[in-house]
Amino acid sequence: MLSAKTWKLDRYAKQVKEWSHITATPHEPLTLSVLNDHKLIVAQGTSKIHESLMLWEAATWIKGVRKGAAILLMIKSPLSDSVRKIRFKFLPDNESSAEAQAIECATCLNAYFKFEKEYTKEAFSQFKQEHCKGQERSSLSRT
């Protein structure tokens, strides 16, 4: 069995064209896990997986931002110049606050890709310029 670091989420949202939101329930909790084989998984309960990302070379196609108890990821598609966004709002656990959980997760993910200090339109535009123009498809491919 693979070991993982797992955090409980209050909410998960993704934007492709419109934002789609999922809220945790007592019967179907939301979790974000980073597995030792370099995968990020967002799951609900024991049977639904909402996100599954390989984090190999993620610095070339993901950028993150943490604000308070939330994390926003901007993900560059390897097949087009589009960028989609996903965000997580953390729950506190028995030992630490929701913000402390987000900080711990951002620290873990920072081993794979860069986190900006704050999200701004300028930072998003710079990300799109750096990662959507002039990049060879092979450098963005994921295995």
Protein backbone atom coordinates (compact mmCIF):
# COMPACT_ATOMS: atom_id res chain seq x y z
CA MET A 1 0.00 0.00 0.00
CA LEU A 2 1.25 3.50 -0.85
CA SER A 3 1.72 5.94 1.98
CA ALA A 4 0.24 9.40 1.67
CA LYS A 5 -0.23 12.69 3.39
CA THR A 6 -3.94 13.46 3.52
CA TRP A 7 -5.89 16.57 4.44
CA LYS A 8 -9.64 16.96 4.99
CA LEU A 9 -11.39 19.46 2.75
CA ASP A 10 -14.48 21.52 3.36
CA ARG A 11 -14.92 22.29 -0.34
CA TYR A 12 -13.39 21.52 -3.72
CA ALA A 13 -14.08 23.51 -6.88
CA LYS A 14 -12.84 23.31 -10.45
CA GLN A 15 -13.12 25.70 -13.35
CA VAL A 16 -12.98 24.63 -16.93
CA LYS A 17 -15.43 27.17 -18.34
CA GLU A 18 -17.67 27.60 -15.28
CA TRP A 19 -16.91 26.89 -11.63
CA SER A 20 -18.24 23.58 -10.31
CA HIS A 21 -18.36 23.24 -6.49
CA ILE A 22 -18.45 20.14 -4.30
CA THR A 23 -18.98 20.36 -0.54
CA ALA A 24 -18.01 17.69 1.96
CA THR A 25 -20.76 15.92 3.88
CA PRO A 26 -20.53 13.74 6.99
CA HIS A 27 -21.34 10.69 4.84
CA GLU A 28 -19.01 11.65 1.99
CA PRO A 29 -15.96 13.57 3.27
CA LEU A 30 -13.61 15.25 0.81
CA THR A 31 -9.89 14.58 1.04
CA LEU A 32 -6.77 15.76 -0.76
CA SER A 33 -3.89 13.29 -0.71
CA VAL A 34 -0.33 13.45 -1.98
CA LEU A 35 0.93 9.91 -2.47
CA ASN A 36 4.56 8.81 -2.31
CA ASP A 37 4.43 7.92 -6.00
CA HIS A 38 3.98 11.64 -6.80
CA LYS A 39 0.20 11.70 -7.32
CA LEU A 40 -2.27 14.28 -6.09
CA ILE A 41 -5.73 12.80 -5.50
CA VAL A 42 -8.95 14.56 -4.52
CA ALA A 43 -11.52 11.99 -3.40
CA GLN A 44 -14.99 12.01 -1.93
CA GLY A 45 -15.89 9.15 0.34
CA THR A 46 -14.38 5.82 -0.68
CA SER A 47 -15.62 5.60 -4.26
CA LYS A 48 -15.36 8.99 -6.04
CA ILE A 49 -12.16 10.53 -7.39
CA HIS A 50 -12.56 14.13 -8.56
CA GLU A 51 -8.90 14.86 -9.43
CA SER A 52 -5.90 12.69 -10.11
CA LEU A 53 -2.72 14.49 -11.14
CA MET A 54 0.76 13.10 -11.67
CA LEU A 55 3.18 15.60 -10.18
CA TRP A 56 6.20 14.69 -12.34
CA GLU A 57 7.65 17.89 -13.79
CA ALA A 58 4.64 19.75 -12.36
CA ALA A 59 6.66 22.97 -12.17
CA THR A 60 6.28 23.26 -15.95
CA TRP A 61 2.47 23.09 -15.89
CA ILE A 62 1.12 23.91 -12.39
CA LYS A 63 1.39 27.01 -10.22
CA GLY A 64 -0.21 27.38 -6.80
CA VAL A 65 -1.43 30.14 -4.51
CA ARG A 66 -2.43 29.87 -0.86
CA LYS A 67 -4.61 32.41 0.90
CA GLY A 68 -5.87 31.70 4.40
CA ALA A 69 -7.42 28.23 4.54
CA ALA A 70 -7.61 27.89 0.74
CA ILE A 71 -5.32 26.84 -2.10
CA LEU A 72 -5.80 27.66 -5.78
CA LEU A 73 -3.96 25.68 -8.47
CA MET A 74 -3.60 26.91 -12.06
CA ILE A 75 -3.04 23.97 -14.39
CA LYS A 76 -1.81 24.32 -17.96
CA SER A 77 -3.22 21.79 -20.39
CA PRO A 78 -0.53 19.89 -22.32
CA LEU A 79 -2.79 19.74 -25.38
CA SER A 80 -3.80 23.39 -25.70
CA ASP A 81 -3.00 26.85 -24.44
CA SER A 82 -5.84 26.72 -21.91
CA VAL A 83 -5.42 26.99 -18.15
CA ARG A 84 -7.92 25.53 -15.73
CA LYS A 85 -8.17 26.28 -12.05
CA ILE A 86 -8.96 24.10 -9.06
CA ARG A 87 -9.31 25.23 -5.48
CA PHE A 88 -9.52 23.62 -2.09
CA LYS A 89 -10.80 24.93 1.23
CA PHE A 90 -9.41 22.99 4.16
CA LEU A 91 -11.04 21.82 7.38
CA PRO A 92 -9.33 22.05 10.76
CA ASP A 93 -8.33 18.84 12.50
CA ASN A 94 -8.04 18.11 16.24
CA GLU A 95 -4.55 19.60 16.39
CA SER A 96 -4.50 22.57 14.01
CA SER A 97 -6.58 25.19 12.25
CA ALA A 98 -7.83 25.06 8.67
CA GLU A 99 -5.22 27.68 7.73
CA ALA A 100 -2.45 25.57 9.29
CA GLN A 101 -3.70 22.61 7.22
CA ALA A 102 -3.51 24.73 4.03
CA ILE A 103 0.01 25.87 4.94
CA GLU A 104 1.13 22.27 5.51
CA CYS A 105 -0.37 21.17 2.17
CA ALA A 106 1.19 24.11 0.30
CA THR A 107 4.56 23.29 1.88
CA CYS A 108 4.24 19.68 0.70
CA LEU A 109 3.17 20.67 -2.83
CA ASN A 110 5.92 23.29 -3.06
CA ALA A 111 8.33 20.37 -3.53
CA TYR A 112 6.67 19.80 -6.93
CA PHE A 113 5.74 23.29 -8.16
CA LYS A 114 6.00 26.96 -7.26
CA PHE A 115 3.57 28.82 -5.02
CA GLU A 116 2.96 32.54 -5.56
CA LYS A 117 2.60 34.79 -2.53
CA GLU A 118 -0.82 35.93 -3.70
CA TYR A 119 -3.11 35.54 -6.67
CA THR A 120 -3.32 38.54 -8.96
CA LYS A 121 -4.38 38.98 -12.56
CA GLU A 122 -0.79 39.92 -13.34
CA ALA A 123 0.54 36.66 -11.82
CA PHE A 124 -2.03 34.66 -13.80
CA SER A 125 -1.12 36.49 -17.04
CA GLN A 126 2.57 35.87 -16.40
CA PHE A 127 1.87 32.17 -15.78
CA LYS A 128 0.00 31.94 -19.09
CA GLN A 129 2.81 33.74 -20.92
CA GLU A 130 5.53 31.55 -19.39
CA HIS A 131 3.73 28.25 -19.78
CA CYS A 132 1.45 28.65 -22.80
CA LYS A 133 3.67 30.29 -25.38
CA GLY A 134 6.82 28.85 -26.87
CA GLN A 135 6.81 25.67 -24.81
CA GLU A 136 7.42 22.44 -26.64
CA ARG A 137 4.67 19.88 -26.15
CA SER A 138 7.22 17.30 -24.99
CA SER A 139 8.22 19.42 -22.02
CA LEU A 140 4.59 19.49 -20.90
CA SER A 141 3.86 15.82 -21.34
CA ARG A 142 3.04 13.76 -18.28
CA THR A 143 3.66 10.08 -17.83
